Amino acid sequence: VQIQQVILNLLRNAIEAMEKITNQQAREISLHARLLPRNMIEISVI
């Protein structure tokens, strides 16, 4: 539940930040998940 809330908040913030962009093609969000050393997982929202 905490992980879902964090990712949802990051996505919501990204969407709100891009609301002022008038060029629809420039409105892109990338969500990445990758394996790091010691079996840690990194999740990023760009």
PDB file of all heavy atoms in Angstrom:
ATOM      1  N   VAL A   1       0.831  -1.197   0.000  1.00  0.00           N
ATOM      2  CA  VAL A   1       0.000   0.000   0.000  1.00  0.00           C
ATOM      3  C   VAL A   1       0.872   1.255   0.000  1.00  0.00           C
ATOM      4  O   VAL A   1       0.613   2.208  -0.747  1.00  0.00           O
ATOM      5  CB  VAL A   1      -0.970   0.006   1.205  1.00  0.00           C
ATOM      6  CG1 VAL A   1      -1.709   1.326   1.302  1.00  0.00           C
ATOM      7  CG2 VAL A   1      -1.956  -1.150   1.081  1.00  0.00           C
ATOM      8  N   GLN A   2       1.932   1.271   0.792  1.00  0.00           N
ATOM      9  CA  GLN A   2       2.815   2.440   0.824  1.00  0.00           C
ATOM     10  C   GLN A   2       3.496   2.656  -0.525  1.00  0.00           C
ATOM     11  O   GLN A   2       3.590   3.787  -1.000  1.00  0.00           O
ATOM     12  CB  GLN A   2       3.864   2.296   1.920  1.00  0.00           C
ATOM     13  CG  GLN A   2       3.325   2.553   3.299  1.00  0.00           C
ATOM     14  CD  GLN A   2       4.404   2.505   4.351  1.00  0.00           C
ATOM     15  OE1 GLN A   2       5.442   1.875   4.177  1.00  0.00           O
ATOM     16  NE2 GLN A   2       4.166   3.181   5.465  1.00  0.00           N
ATOM     17  N   ILE A   3       3.985   1.590  -1.142  1.00  0.00           N
ATOM     18  CA  ILE A   3       4.643   1.712  -2.450  1.00  0.00           C
ATOM     19  C   ILE A   3       3.648   2.228  -3.487  1.00  0.00           C
ATOM     20  O   ILE A   3       3.962   3.115  -4.285  1.00  0.00           O
ATOM     21  CB  ILE A   3       5.249   0.359  -2.893  1.00  0.00           C
ATOM     22  CG1 ILE A   3       6.391  -0.038  -1.955  1.00  0.00           C
ATOM     23  CG2 ILE A   3       5.722   0.411  -4.339  1.00  0.00           C
ATOM     24  CD1 ILE A   3       7.548   0.915  -1.921  1.00  0.00           C
ATOM     25  N   GLN A   4       2.434   1.702  -3.473  1.00  0.00           N
ATOM     26  CA  GLN A   4       1.417   2.173  -4.409  1.00  0.00           C
ATOM     27  C   GLN A   4       1.129   3.653  -4.199  1.00  0.00           C
ATOM     28  O   GLN A   4       0.997   4.412  -5.160  1.00  0.00           O
ATOM     29  CB  GLN A   4       0.131   1.360  -4.254  1.00  0.00           C
ATOM     30  CG  GLN A   4       0.227  -0.045  -4.786  1.00  0.00           C
ATOM     31  CD  GLN A   4      -1.015  -0.864  -4.478  1.00  0.00           C
ATOM     32  OE1 GLN A   4      -1.766  -0.576  -3.550  1.00  0.00           O
ATOM     33  NE2 GLN A   4      -1.229  -1.913  -5.259  1.00  0.00           N
ATOM     34  N   GLN A   5       1.038   4.083  -2.952  1.00  0.00           N
ATOM     35  CA  GLN A   5       0.754   5.484  -2.652  1.00  0.00           C
ATOM     36  C   GLN A   5       1.886   6.390  -3.129  1.00  0.00           C
ATOM     37  O   GLN A   5       1.631   7.469  -3.693  1.00  0.00           O
ATOM     38  CB  GLN A   5       0.518   5.680  -1.160  1.00  0.00           C
ATOM     39  CG  GLN A   5      -0.800   5.127  -0.687  1.00  0.00           C
ATOM     40  CD  GLN A   5      -0.983   5.253   0.815  1.00  0.00           C
ATOM     41  OE1 GLN A   5      -0.023   5.406   1.570  1.00  0.00           O
ATOM     42  NE2 GLN A   5      -2.228   5.179   1.257  1.00  0.00           N
ATOM     43  N   VAL A   6       3.120   5.971  -2.930  1.00  0.00           N
ATOM     44  CA  VAL A   6       4.271   6.778  -3.353  1.00  0.00           C
ATOM     45  C   VAL A   6       4.291   6.918  -4.870  1.00  0.00           C
ATOM     46  O   VAL A   6       4.434   8.024  -5.401  1.00  0.00           O
ATOM     47  CB  VAL A   6       5.592   6.171  -2.842  1.00  0.00           C
ATOM     48  CG1 VAL A   6       6.793   6.818  -3.514  1.00  0.00           C
ATOM     49  CG2 VAL A   6       5.694   6.302  -1.331  1.00  0.00           C
ATOM     50  N   ILE A   7       4.125   5.807  -5.584  1.00  0.00           N
ATOM     51  CA  ILE A   7       4.153   5.855  -7.051  1.00  0.00           C
ATOM     52  C   ILE A   7       2.976   6.674  -7.572  1.00  0.00           C
ATOM     53  O   ILE A   7       3.137   7.500  -8.473  1.00  0.00           O
ATOM     54  CB  ILE A   7       4.180   4.436  -7.646  1.00  0.00           C
ATOM     55  CG1 ILE A   7       5.511   3.769  -7.300  1.00  0.00           C
ATOM     56  CG2 ILE A   7       3.980   4.477  -9.161  1.00  0.00           C
ATOM     57  CD1 ILE A   7       5.587   2.311  -7.663  1.00  0.00           C
ATOM     58  N   LEU A   8       1.808   6.484  -7.002  1.00  0.00           N
ATOM     59  CA  LEU A   8       0.644   7.260  -7.421  1.00  0.00           C
ATOM     60  C   LEU A   8       0.863   8.755  -7.179  1.00  0.00           C
ATOM     61  O   LEU A   8       0.537   9.583  -8.034  1.00  0.00           O
ATOM     62  CB  LEU A   8      -0.609   6.783  -6.685  1.00  0.00           C
ATOM     63  CG  LEU A   8      -1.909   7.464  -7.061  1.00  0.00           C
ATOM     64  CD1 LEU A   8      -2.213   7.289  -8.552  1.00  0.00           C
ATOM     65  CD2 LEU A   8      -3.051   6.913  -6.240  1.00  0.00           C
ATOM     66  N   ASN A   9       1.433   9.127  -6.043  1.00  0.00           N
ATOM     67  CA  ASN A   9       1.713  10.538  -5.759  1.00  0.00           C
ATOM     68  C   ASN A   9       2.718  11.115  -6.750  1.00  0.00           C
ATOM     69  O   ASN A   9       2.564  12.252  -7.211  1.00  0.00           O
ATOM     70  CB  ASN A   9       2.218  10.718  -4.331  1.00  0.00           C
ATOM     71  CG  ASN A   9       1.113  10.602  -3.302  1.00  0.00           C
ATOM     72  OD1 ASN A   9      -0.059  10.749  -3.625  1.00  0.00           O
ATOM     73  ND2 ASN A   9       1.484  10.306  -2.074  1.00  0.00           N
ATOM     74  N   LEU A  10       3.762  10.349  -7.079  1.00  0.00           N
ATOM     75  CA  LEU A  10       4.742  10.823  -8.057  1.00  0.00           C
ATOM     76  C   LEU A  10       4.102  11.018  -9.425  1.00  0.00           C
ATOM     77  O   LEU A  10       4.361  12.019 -10.110  1.00  0.00           O
ATOM     78  CB  LEU A  10       5.914   9.840  -8.161  1.00  0.00           C
ATOM     79  CG  LEU A  10       6.840   9.790  -6.948  1.00  0.00           C
ATOM     80  CD1 LEU A  10       7.817   8.626  -7.082  1.00  0.00           C
ATOM     81  CD2 LEU A  10       7.586  11.104  -6.789  1.00  0.00           C
ATOM     82  N   LEU A  11       3.252  10.076  -9.835  1.00  0.00           N
ATOM     83  CA  LEU A  11       2.557  10.209 -11.119  1.00  0.00           C
ATOM     84  C   LEU A  11       1.604  11.407 -11.101  1.00  0.00           C
ATOM     85  O   LEU A  11       1.542  12.180 -12.058  1.00  0.00           O
ATOM     86  CB  LEU A  11       1.809   8.922 -11.460  1.00  0.00           C
ATOM     87  CG  LEU A  11       2.679   7.733 -11.832  1.00  0.00           C
ATOM     88  CD1 LEU A  11       1.841   6.458 -11.915  1.00  0.00           C
ATOM     89  CD2 LEU A  11       3.400   7.978 -13.145  1.00  0.00           C
ATOM     90  N   ARG A  12       0.879  11.577 -10.023  1.00  0.00           N
ATOM     91  CA  ARG A  12      -0.052  12.702  -9.911  1.00  0.00           C
ATOM     92  C   ARG A  12       0.708  14.034  -9.969  1.00  0.00           C
ATOM     93  O   ARG A  12       0.289  14.976 -10.659  1.00  0.00           O
ATOM     94  CB  ARG A  12      -0.835  12.612  -8.599  1.00  0.00           C
ATOM     95  CG  ARG A  12      -1.903  13.680  -8.477  1.00  0.00           C
ATOM     96  CD  ARG A  12      -2.700  13.593  -7.184  1.00  0.00           C
ATOM     97  NE  ARG A  12      -3.357  12.304  -7.061  1.00  0.00           N
ATOM     98  CZ  ARG A  12      -3.267  11.510  -5.986  1.00  0.00           C
ATOM     99  NH1 ARG A  12      -2.544  11.871  -4.948  1.00  0.00           N
ATOM    100  NH2 ARG A  12      -3.904  10.368  -5.938  1.00  0.00           N
ATOM    101  N   ASN A  13       1.839  14.126  -9.270  1.00  0.00           N
ATOM    102  CA  ASN A  13       2.644  15.348  -9.306  1.00  0.00           C
ATOM    103  C   ASN A  13       3.151  15.631 -10.711  1.00  0.00           C
ATOM    104  O   ASN A  13       3.162  16.788 -11.147  1.00  0.00           O
ATOM    105  CB  ASN A  13       3.824  15.242  -8.338  1.00  0.00           C
ATOM    106  CG  ASN A  13       3.398  15.270  -6.889  1.00  0.00           C
ATOM    107  OD1 ASN A  13       2.279  15.640  -6.565  1.00  0.00           O
ATOM    108  ND2 ASN A  13       4.291  14.855  -6.015  1.00  0.00           N
ATOM    109  N   ALA A  14       3.578  14.590 -11.417  1.00  0.00           N
ATOM    110  CA  ALA A  14       4.064  14.764 -12.789  1.00  0.00           C
ATOM    111  C   ALA A  14       2.942  15.262 -13.702  1.00  0.00           C
ATOM    112  O   ALA A  14       3.145  16.167 -14.516  1.00  0.00           O
ATOM    113  CB  ALA A  14       4.636  13.455 -13.312  1.00  0.00           C
ATOM    114  N   ILE A  15       1.769  14.683 -13.546  1.00  0.00           N
ATOM    115  CA  ILE A  15       0.625  15.104 -14.371  1.00  0.00           C
ATOM    116  C   ILE A  15       0.263  16.555 -14.080  1.00  0.00           C
ATOM    117  O   ILE A  15       0.064  17.355 -14.997  1.00  0.00           O
ATOM    118  CB  ILE A  15      -0.581  14.165 -14.133  1.00  0.00           C
ATOM    119  CG1 ILE A  15      -0.283  12.782 -14.728  1.00  0.00           C
ATOM    120  CG2 ILE A  15      -1.856  14.756 -14.721  1.00  0.00           C
ATOM    121  CD1 ILE A  15      -1.246  11.696 -14.299  1.00  0.00           C
ATOM    122  N   GLU A  16       0.214  16.925 -12.811  1.00  0.00           N
ATOM    123  CA  GLU A  16      -0.109  18.307 -12.449  1.00  0.00           C
ATOM    124  C   GLU A  16       0.948  19.276 -12.965  1.00  0.00           C
ATOM    125  O   GLU A  16       0.623  20.375 -13.416  1.00  0.00           O
ATOM    126  CB  GLU A  16      -0.256  18.442 -10.941  1.00  0.00           C
ATOM    127  CG  GLU A  16      -1.514  17.791 -10.403  1.00  0.00           C
ATOM    128  CD  GLU A  16      -1.606  17.839  -8.888  1.00  0.00           C
ATOM    129  OE1 GLU A  16      -0.733  18.455  -8.227  1.00  0.00           O
ATOM    130  OE2 GLU A  16      -2.555  17.241  -8.345  1.00  0.00           O
ATOM    131  N   ALA A  17       2.213  18.886 -12.925  1.00  0.00           N
ATOM    132  CA  ALA A  17       3.290  19.760 -13.389  1.00  0.00           C
ATOM    133  C   ALA A  17       3.208  19.997 -14.895  1.00  0.00           C
ATOM    134  O   ALA A  17       3.612  21.052 -15.383  1.00  0.00           O
ATOM    135  CB  ALA A  17       4.642  19.152 -13.031  1.00  0.00           C
ATOM    136  N   MET A  18       2.670  19.036 -15.625  1.00  0.00           N
ATOM    137  CA  MET A  18       2.607  19.160 -17.079  1.00  0.00           C
ATOM    138  C   MET A  18       1.290  19.730 -17.581  1.00  0.00           C
ATOM    139  O   MET A  18       1.116  19.915 -18.780  1.00  0.00           O
ATOM    140  CB  MET A  18       2.867  17.794 -17.723  1.00  0.00           C
ATOM    141  CG  MET A  18       4.301  17.351 -17.566  1.00  0.00           C
ATOM    142  SD  MET A  18       4.687  15.903 -18.532  1.00  0.00           S
ATOM    143  CE  MET A  18       3.657  14.682 -17.770  1.00  0.00           C
ATOM    144  N   GLU A  19       0.359  20.040 -16.704  1.00  0.00           N
ATOM    145  CA  GLU A  19      -0.928  20.586 -17.130  1.00  0.00           C
ATOM    146  C   GLU A  19      -0.778  21.889 -17.905  1.00  0.00           C
ATOM    147  O   GLU A  19      -1.573  22.185 -18.790  1.00  0.00           O
ATOM    148  CB  GLU A  19      -1.845  20.808 -15.926  1.00  0.00           C
ATOM    149  CG  GLU A  19      -2.446  19.538 -15.398  1.00  0.00           C
ATOM    150  CD  GLU A  19      -3.356  19.779 -14.199  1.00  0.00           C
ATOM    151  OE1 GLU A  19      -3.328  20.897 -13.630  1.00  0.00           O
ATOM    152  OE2 GLU A  19      -4.074  18.844 -13.843  1.00  0.00           O
ATOM    153  N   LYS A  20       0.258  22.662 -17.604  1.00  0.00           N
ATOM    154  CA  LYS A  20       0.453  23.953 -18.264  1.00  0.00           C
ATOM    155  C   LYS A  20       1.122  23.826 -19.629  1.00  0.00           C
ATOM    156  O   LYS A  20       1.196  24.801 -20.366  1.00  0.00           O
ATOM    157  CB  LYS A  20       1.262  24.866 -17.364  1.00  0.00           C
ATOM    158  CG  LYS A  20       0.526  25.202 -16.077  1.00  0.00           C
ATOM    159  CD  LYS A  20       1.355  26.041 -15.155  1.00  0.00           C
ATOM    160  CE  LYS A  20       0.538  26.333 -13.908  1.00  0.00           C
ATOM    161  NZ  LYS A  20       1.236  26.135 -12.695  1.00  0.00           N
ATOM    162  N   ILE A  21       1.603  22.651 -19.971  1.00  0.00           N
ATOM    163  CA  ILE A  21       2.244  22.440 -21.269  1.00  0.00           C
ATOM    164  C   ILE A  21       1.151  22.337 -22.326  1.00  0.00           C
ATOM    165  O   ILE A  21       0.269  21.476 -22.243  1.00  0.00           O
ATOM    166  CB  ILE A  21       3.120  21.168 -21.263  1.00  0.00           C
ATOM    167  CG1 ILE A  21       4.258  21.316 -20.257  1.00  0.00           C
ATOM    168  CG2 ILE A  21       3.662  20.883 -22.658  1.00  0.00           C
ATOM    169  CD1 ILE A  21       5.087  20.061 -20.089  1.00  0.00           C
ATOM    170  N   THR A  22       1.208  23.210 -23.314  1.00  0.00           N
ATOM    171  CA  THR A  22       0.163  23.220 -24.346  1.00  0.00           C
ATOM    172  C   THR A  22       0.437  22.205 -25.447  1.00  0.00           C
ATOM    173  O   THR A  22      -0.490  21.751 -26.105  1.00  0.00           O
ATOM    174  CB  THR A  22       0.027  24.624 -24.963  1.00  0.00           C
ATOM    175  OG1 THR A  22       1.293  25.031 -25.492  1.00  0.00           O
ATOM    176  CG2 THR A  22      -0.446  25.621 -23.923  1.00  0.00           C
ATOM    177  N   ASN A  23       1.678  21.840 -25.657  1.00  0.00           N
ATOM    178  CA  ASN A  23       2.029  20.862 -26.684  1.00  0.00           C
ATOM    179  C   ASN A  23       1.762  19.454 -26.147  1.00  0.00           C
ATOM    180  O   ASN A  23       2.494  18.957 -25.293  1.00  0.00           O
ATOM    181  CB  ASN A  23       3.496  21.014 -27.078  1.00  0.00           C
ATOM    182  CG  ASN A  23       3.929  20.032 -28.150  1.00  0.00           C
ATOM    183  OD1 ASN A  23       3.163  19.158 -28.563  1.00  0.00           O
ATOM    184  ND2 ASN A  23       5.161  20.174 -28.592  1.00  0.00           N
ATOM    185  N   GLN A  24       0.706  18.814 -26.626  1.00  0.00           N
ATOM    186  CA  GLN A  24       0.323  17.487 -26.130  1.00  0.00           C
ATOM    187  C   GLN A  24       1.437  16.458 -26.326  1.00  0.00           C
ATOM    188  O   GLN A  24       1.589  15.538 -25.533  1.00  0.00           O
ATOM    189  CB  GLN A  24      -0.949  17.006 -26.830  1.00  0.00           C
ATOM    190  CG  GLN A  24      -2.199  17.762 -26.422  1.00  0.00           C
ATOM    191  CD  GLN A  24      -2.597  17.480 -24.983  1.00  0.00           C
ATOM    192  OE1 GLN A  24      -2.361  16.417 -24.453  1.00  0.00           O
ATOM    193  NE2 GLN A  24      -3.196  18.455 -24.345  1.00  0.00           N
ATOM    194  N   GLN A  25       2.223  16.600 -27.397  1.00  0.00           N
ATOM    195  CA  GLN A  25       3.294  15.625 -27.657  1.00  0.00           C
ATOM    196  C   GLN A  25       4.405  15.723 -26.623  1.00  0.00           C
ATOM    197  O   GLN A  25       5.144  14.780 -26.412  1.00  0.00           O
ATOM    198  CB  GLN A  25       3.847  15.821 -29.061  1.00  0.00           C
ATOM    199  CG  GLN A  25       2.852  15.428 -30.132  1.00  0.00           C
ATOM    200  CD  GLN A  25       3.386  15.672 -31.527  1.00  0.00           C
ATOM    201  OE1 GLN A  25       4.204  16.556 -31.745  1.00  0.00           O
ATOM    202  NE2 GLN A  25       2.906  14.885 -32.463  1.00  0.00           N
ATOM    203  N   ALA A  26       4.535  16.882 -25.985  1.00  0.00           N
ATOM    204  CA  ALA A  26       5.581  17.060 -24.979  1.00  0.00           C
ATOM    205  C   ALA A  26       5.174  16.497 -23.624  1.00  0.00           C
ATOM    206  O   ALA A  26       5.994  16.428 -22.718  1.00  0.00           O
ATOM    207  CB  ALA A  26       5.934  18.538 -24.852  1.00  0.00           C
ATOM    208  N   ARG A  27       3.944  16.085 -23.476  1.00  0.00           N
ATOM    209  CA  ARG A  27       3.463  15.548 -22.203  1.00  0.00           C
ATOM    210  C   ARG A  27       3.754  14.053 -22.126  1.00  0.00           C
ATOM    211  O   ARG A  27       2.956  13.225 -22.560  1.00  0.00           O
ATOM    212  CB  ARG A  27       1.968  15.793 -22.053  1.00  0.00           C
ATOM    213  CG  ARG A  27       1.593  17.236 -21.901  1.00  0.00           C
ATOM    214  CD  ARG A  27       0.098  17.346 -21.762  1.00  0.00           C
ATOM    215  NE  ARG A  27      -0.289  18.674 -21.346  1.00  0.00           N
ATOM    216  CZ  ARG A  27      -1.515  19.002 -20.996  1.00  0.00           C
ATOM    217  NH1 ARG A  27      -2.473  18.099 -21.001  1.00  0.00           N
ATOM    218  NH2 ARG A  27      -1.796  20.230 -20.637  1.00  0.00           N
ATOM    219  N   GLU A  28       4.886  13.731 -21.580  1.00  0.00           N
ATOM    220  CA  GLU A  28       5.274  12.327 -21.452  1.00  0.00           C
ATOM    221  C   GLU A  28       5.793  12.053 -20.047  1.00  0.00           C
ATOM    222  O   GLU A  28       6.500  12.877 -19.466  1.00  0.00           O
ATOM    223  CB  GLU A  28       6.369  11.970 -22.457  1.00  0.00           C
ATOM    224  CG  GLU A  28       5.918  12.009 -23.890  1.00  0.00           C
ATOM    225  CD  GLU A  28       6.987  11.512 -24.835  1.00  0.00           C
ATOM    226  OE1 GLU A  28       8.110  11.189 -24.400  1.00  0.00           O
ATOM    227  OE2 GLU A  28       6.694  11.451 -26.024  1.00  0.00           O
ATOM    228  N   ILE A  29       5.440  10.901 -19.542  1.00  0.00           N
ATOM    229  CA  ILE A  29       5.938  10.432 -18.253  1.00  0.00           C
ATOM    230  C   ILE A  29       6.557   9.057 -18.491  1.00  0.00           C
ATOM    231  O   ILE A  29       5.997   8.230 -19.208  1.00  0.00           O
ATOM    232  CB  ILE A  29       4.803  10.315 -17.217  1.00  0.00           C
ATOM    233  CG1 ILE A  29       4.155  11.677 -16.973  1.00  0.00           C
ATOM    234  CG2 ILE A  29       5.330   9.729 -15.906  1.00  0.00           C
ATOM    235  CD1 ILE A  29       2.916  11.610 -16.110  1.00  0.00           C
ATOM    236  N   SER A  30       7.713   8.848 -17.894  1.00  0.00           N
ATOM    237  CA  SER A  30       8.365   7.538 -17.989  1.00  0.00           C
ATOM    238  C   SER A  30       8.449   6.927 -16.597  1.00  0.00           C
ATOM    239  O   SER A  30       8.842   7.604 -15.639  1.00  0.00           O
ATOM    240  CB  SER A  30       9.774   7.668 -18.576  1.00  0.00           C
ATOM    241  OG  SER A  30       9.706   8.137 -19.899  1.00  0.00           O
ATOM    242  N   LEU A  31       8.092   5.676 -16.512  1.00  0.00           N
ATOM    243  CA  LEU A  31       8.167   4.919 -15.264  1.00  0.00           C
ATOM    244  C   LEU A  31       9.142   3.767 -15.494  1.00  0.00           C
ATOM    245  O   LEU A  31       8.930   2.958 -16.404  1.00  0.00           O
ATOM    246  CB  LEU A  31       6.785   4.389 -14.873  1.00  0.00           C
ATOM    247  CG  LEU A  31       6.707   3.493 -13.655  1.00  0.00           C
ATOM    248  CD1 LEU A  31       7.037   4.291 -12.398  1.00  0.00           C
ATOM    249  CD2 LEU A  31       5.335   2.878 -13.531  1.00  0.00           C
ATOM    250  N   HIS A  32      10.216   3.732 -14.710  1.00  0.00           N
ATOM    251  CA  HIS A  32      11.249   2.711 -14.877  1.00  0.00           C
ATOM    252  C   HIS A  32      11.398   1.891 -13.596  1.00  0.00           C
ATOM    253  O   HIS A  32      11.279   2.424 -12.492  1.00  0.00           O
ATOM    254  CB  HIS A  32      12.609   3.358 -15.184  1.00  0.00           C
ATOM    255  CG  HIS A  32      12.609   4.224 -16.398  1.00  0.00           C
ATOM    256  ND1 HIS A  32      12.786   3.728 -17.658  1.00  0.00           N
ATOM    257  CD2 HIS A  32      12.443   5.560 -16.535  1.00  0.00           C
ATOM    258  CE1 HIS A  32      12.735   4.719 -18.531  1.00  0.00           C
ATOM    259  NE2 HIS A  32      12.522   5.847 -17.870  1.00  0.00           N
ATOM    260  N   ALA A  33      11.687   0.619 -13.765  1.00  0.00           N
ATOM    261  CA  ALA A  33      12.024  -0.248 -12.630  1.00  0.00           C
ATOM    262  C   ALA A  33      13.197  -1.099 -13.067  1.00  0.00           C
ATOM    263  O   ALA A  33      13.157  -1.749 -14.117  1.00  0.00           O
ATOM    264  CB  ALA A  33      10.846  -1.120 -12.231  1.00  0.00           C
ATOM    265  N   ARG A  34      14.268  -1.086 -12.262  1.00  0.00           N
ATOM    266  CA  ARG A  34      15.456  -1.855 -12.631  1.00  0.00           C
ATOM    267  C   ARG A  34      16.106  -2.454 -11.391  1.00  0.00           C
ATOM    268  O   ARG A  34      15.919  -1.962 -10.270  1.00  0.00           O
ATOM    269  CB  ARG A  34      16.456  -1.001 -13.397  1.00  0.00           C
ATOM    270  CG  ARG A  34      17.096   0.079 -12.574  1.00  0.00           C
ATOM    271  CD  ARG A  34      18.023   0.945 -13.405  1.00  0.00           C
ATOM    272  NE  ARG A  34      18.676   1.942 -12.582  1.00  0.00           N
ATOM    273  CZ  ARG A  34      19.982   2.030 -12.420  1.00  0.00           C
ATOM    274  NH1 ARG A  34      20.787   1.194 -13.056  1.00  0.00           N
ATOM    275  NH2 ARG A  34      20.495   2.949 -11.654  1.00  0.00           N
ATOM    276  N   LEU A  35      16.868  -3.480 -11.643  1.00  0.00           N
ATOM    277  CA  LEU A  35      17.562  -4.195 -10.567  1.00  0.00           C
ATOM    278  C   LEU A  35      18.896  -3.523 -10.272  1.00  0.00           C
ATOM    279  O   LEU A  35      19.658  -3.216 -11.182  1.00  0.00           O
ATOM    280  CB  LEU A  35      17.779  -5.649 -10.977  1.00  0.00           C
ATOM    281  CG  LEU A  35      18.415  -6.578  -9.948  1.00  0.00           C
ATOM    282  CD1 LEU A  35      17.527  -6.688  -8.711  1.00  0.00           C
ATOM    283  CD2 LEU A  35      18.653  -7.950 -10.549  1.00  0.00           C
ATOM    284  N   LEU A  36      19.155  -3.297  -9.001  1.00  0.00           N
ATOM    285  CA  LEU A  36      20.425  -2.750  -8.540  1.00  0.00           C
ATOM    286  C   LEU A  36      21.199  -3.850  -7.823  1.00  0.00           C
ATOM    287  O   LEU A  36      20.645  -4.923  -7.540  1.00  0.00           O
ATOM    288  CB  LEU A  36      20.180  -1.580  -7.583  1.00  0.00           C
ATOM    289  CG  LEU A  36      19.455  -0.358  -8.147  1.00  0.00           C
ATOM    290  CD1 LEU A  36      19.230   0.675  -7.049  1.00  0.00           C
ATOM    291  CD2 LEU A  36      20.225   0.246  -9.300  1.00  0.00           C
ATOM    292  N   PRO A  37      22.458  -3.587  -7.501  1.00  0.00           N
ATOM    293  CA  PRO A  37      23.208  -4.590  -6.729  1.00  0.00           C
ATOM    294  C   PRO A  37      22.510  -4.938  -5.415  1.00  0.00           C
ATOM    295  O   PRO A  37      21.741  -4.141  -4.880  1.00  0.00           O
ATOM    296  CB  PRO A  37      24.545  -3.895  -6.473  1.00  0.00           C
ATOM    297  CG  PRO A  37      24.673  -2.898  -7.578  1.00  0.00           C
ATOM    298  CD  PRO A  37      23.263  -2.434  -7.863  1.00  0.00           C
ATOM    299  N   ARG A  38      22.797  -6.098  -4.915  1.00  0.00           N
ATOM    300  CA  ARG A  38      22.248  -6.632  -3.658  1.00  0.00           C
ATOM    301  C   ARG A  38      20.738  -6.817  -3.717  1.00  0.00           C
ATOM    302  O   ARG A  38      20.029  -6.634  -2.721  1.00  0.00           O
ATOM    303  CB  ARG A  38      22.657  -5.776  -2.462  1.00  0.00           C
ATOM    304  CG  ARG A  38      24.165  -5.705  -2.281  1.00  0.00           C
ATOM    305  CD  ARG A  38      24.629  -5.023  -1.051  1.00  0.00           C
ATOM    306  NE  ARG A  38      23.747  -4.021  -0.507  1.00  0.00           N
ATOM    307  CZ  ARG A  38      24.139  -3.021   0.239  1.00  0.00           C
ATOM    308  NH1 ARG A  38      25.395  -2.860   0.519  1.00  0.00           N
ATOM    309  NH2 ARG A  38      23.267  -2.161   0.723  1.00  0.00           N
ATOM    310  N   ASN A  39      20.213  -7.136  -4.919  1.00  0.00           N
ATOM    311  CA  ASN A  39      18.789  -7.395  -5.135  1.00  0.00           C
ATOM    312  C   ASN A  39      17.879  -6.262  -4.694  1.00  0.00           C
ATOM    313  O   ASN A  39      16.765  -6.469  -4.246  1.00  0.00           O
ATOM    314  CB  ASN A  39      18.358  -8.700  -4.454  1.00  0.00           C
ATOM    315  CG  ASN A  39      18.637  -9.900  -5.333  1.00  0.00           C
ATOM    316  OD1 ASN A  39      18.933  -9.745  -6.511  1.00  0.00           O
ATOM    317  ND2 ASN A  39      18.550 -11.068  -4.770  1.00  0.00           N
ATOM    318  N   MET A  40      18.370  -5.036  -4.851  1.00  0.00           N
ATOM    319  CA  MET A  40      17.528  -3.870  -4.601  1.00  0.00           C
ATOM    320  C   MET A  40      16.892  -3.462  -5.910  1.00  0.00           C
ATOM    321  O   MET A  40      17.452  -3.674  -6.991  1.00  0.00           O
ATOM    322  CB  MET A  40      18.363  -2.733  -4.015  1.00  0.00           C
ATOM    323  CG  MET A  40      18.923  -3.070  -2.658  1.00  0.00           C
ATOM    324  SD  MET A  40      20.016  -1.793  -2.010  1.00  0.00           S
ATOM    325  CE  MET A  40      18.897  -0.439  -1.838  1.00  0.00           C
ATOM    326  N   ILE A  41      15.706  -2.888  -5.844  1.00  0.00           N
ATOM    327  CA  ILE A  41      15.001  -2.450  -7.050  1.00  0.00           C
ATOM    328  C   ILE A  41      14.833  -0.946  -6.978  1.00  0.00           C
ATOM    329  O   ILE A  41      14.396  -0.403  -5.955  1.00  0.00           O
ATOM    330  CB  ILE A  41      13.639  -3.150  -7.188  1.00  0.00           C
ATOM    331  CG1 ILE A  41      13.868  -4.652  -7.388  1.00  0.00           C
ATOM    332  CG2 ILE A  41      12.850  -2.562  -8.361  1.00  0.00           C
ATOM    333  CD1 ILE A  41      12.612  -5.462  -7.453  1.00  0.00           C
ATOM    334  N   GLU A  42      15.169  -0.271  -8.085  1.00  0.00           N
ATOM    335  CA  GLU A  42      15.002   1.166  -8.190  1.00  0.00           C
ATOM    336  C   GLU A  42      13.803   1.454  -9.081  1.00  0.00           C
ATOM    337  O   GLU A  42      13.679   0.900 -10.170  1.00  0.00           O
ATOM    338  CB  GLU A  42      16.237   1.797  -8.811  1.00  0.00           C
ATOM    339  CG  GLU A  42      16.110   3.292  -9.047  1.00  0.00           C
ATOM    340  CD  GLU A  42      17.330   3.843  -9.740  1.00  0.00           C
ATOM    341  OE1 GLU A  42      17.519   3.554 -10.943  1.00  0.00           O
ATOM    342  OE2 GLU A  42      18.102   4.542  -9.072  1.00  0.00           O
ATOM    343  N   ILE A  43      12.914   2.309  -8.590  1.00  0.00           N
ATOM    344  CA  ILE A  43      11.757   2.741  -9.366  1.00  0.00           C
ATOM    345  C   ILE A  43      11.890   4.246  -9.558  1.00  0.00           C
ATOM    346  O   ILE A  43      12.124   4.975  -8.601  1.00  0.00           O
ATOM    347  CB  ILE A  43      10.435   2.396  -8.651  1.00  0.00           C
ATOM    348  CG1 ILE A  43      10.308   0.891  -8.491  1.00  0.00           C
ATOM    349  CG2 ILE A  43       9.244   2.974  -9.415  1.00  0.00           C
ATOM    350  CD1 ILE A  43       9.146   0.442  -7.662  1.00  0.00           C
ATOM    351  N   SER A  44      11.747   4.698 -10.809  1.00  0.00           N
ATOM    352  CA  SER A  44      11.845   6.130 -11.068  1.00  0.00           C
ATOM    353  C   SER A  44      10.669   6.580 -11.926  1.00  0.00           C
ATOM    354  O   SER A  44      10.187   5.844 -12.773  1.00  0.00           O
ATOM    355  CB  SER A  44      13.166   6.483 -11.736  1.00  0.00           C
ATOM    356  OG  SER A  44      13.314   5.797 -12.954  1.00  0.00           O
ATOM    357  N   VAL A  45      10.231   7.812 -11.657  1.00  0.00           N
ATOM    358  CA  VAL A  45       9.190   8.450 -12.434  1.00  0.00           C
ATOM    359  C   VAL A  45       9.800   9.728 -12.985  1.00  0.00           C
ATOM    360  O   VAL A  45      10.281  10.570 -12.222  1.00  0.00           O
ATOM    361  CB  VAL A  45       7.945   8.770 -11.577  1.00  0.00           C
ATOM    362  CG1 VAL A  45       6.909   9.510 -12.396  1.00  0.00           C
ATOM    363  CG2 VAL A  45       7.355   7.489 -11.001  1.00  0.00           C
ATOM    364  N   ILE A  46       9.790   9.878 -14.308  1.00  0.00           N
ATOM    365  CA  ILE A  46      10.431  11.014 -14.970  1.00  0.00           C
ATOM    366  C   ILE A  46       9.393  11.736 -15.808  1.00  0.00           C
ATOM    367  O   ILE A  46       8.694  11.109 -16.610  1.00  0.00           O
ATOM    368  CB  ILE A  46      11.603  10.539 -15.854  1.00  0.00           C
ATOM    369  CG1 ILE A  46      12.626   9.763 -15.014  1.00  0.00           C
ATOM    370  CG2 ILE A  46      12.252  11.720 -16.569  1.00  0.00           C
ATOM    371  CD1 ILE A  46      13.621   8.997 -15.821  1.00  0.00           C
TER     372      ILE A  46
END
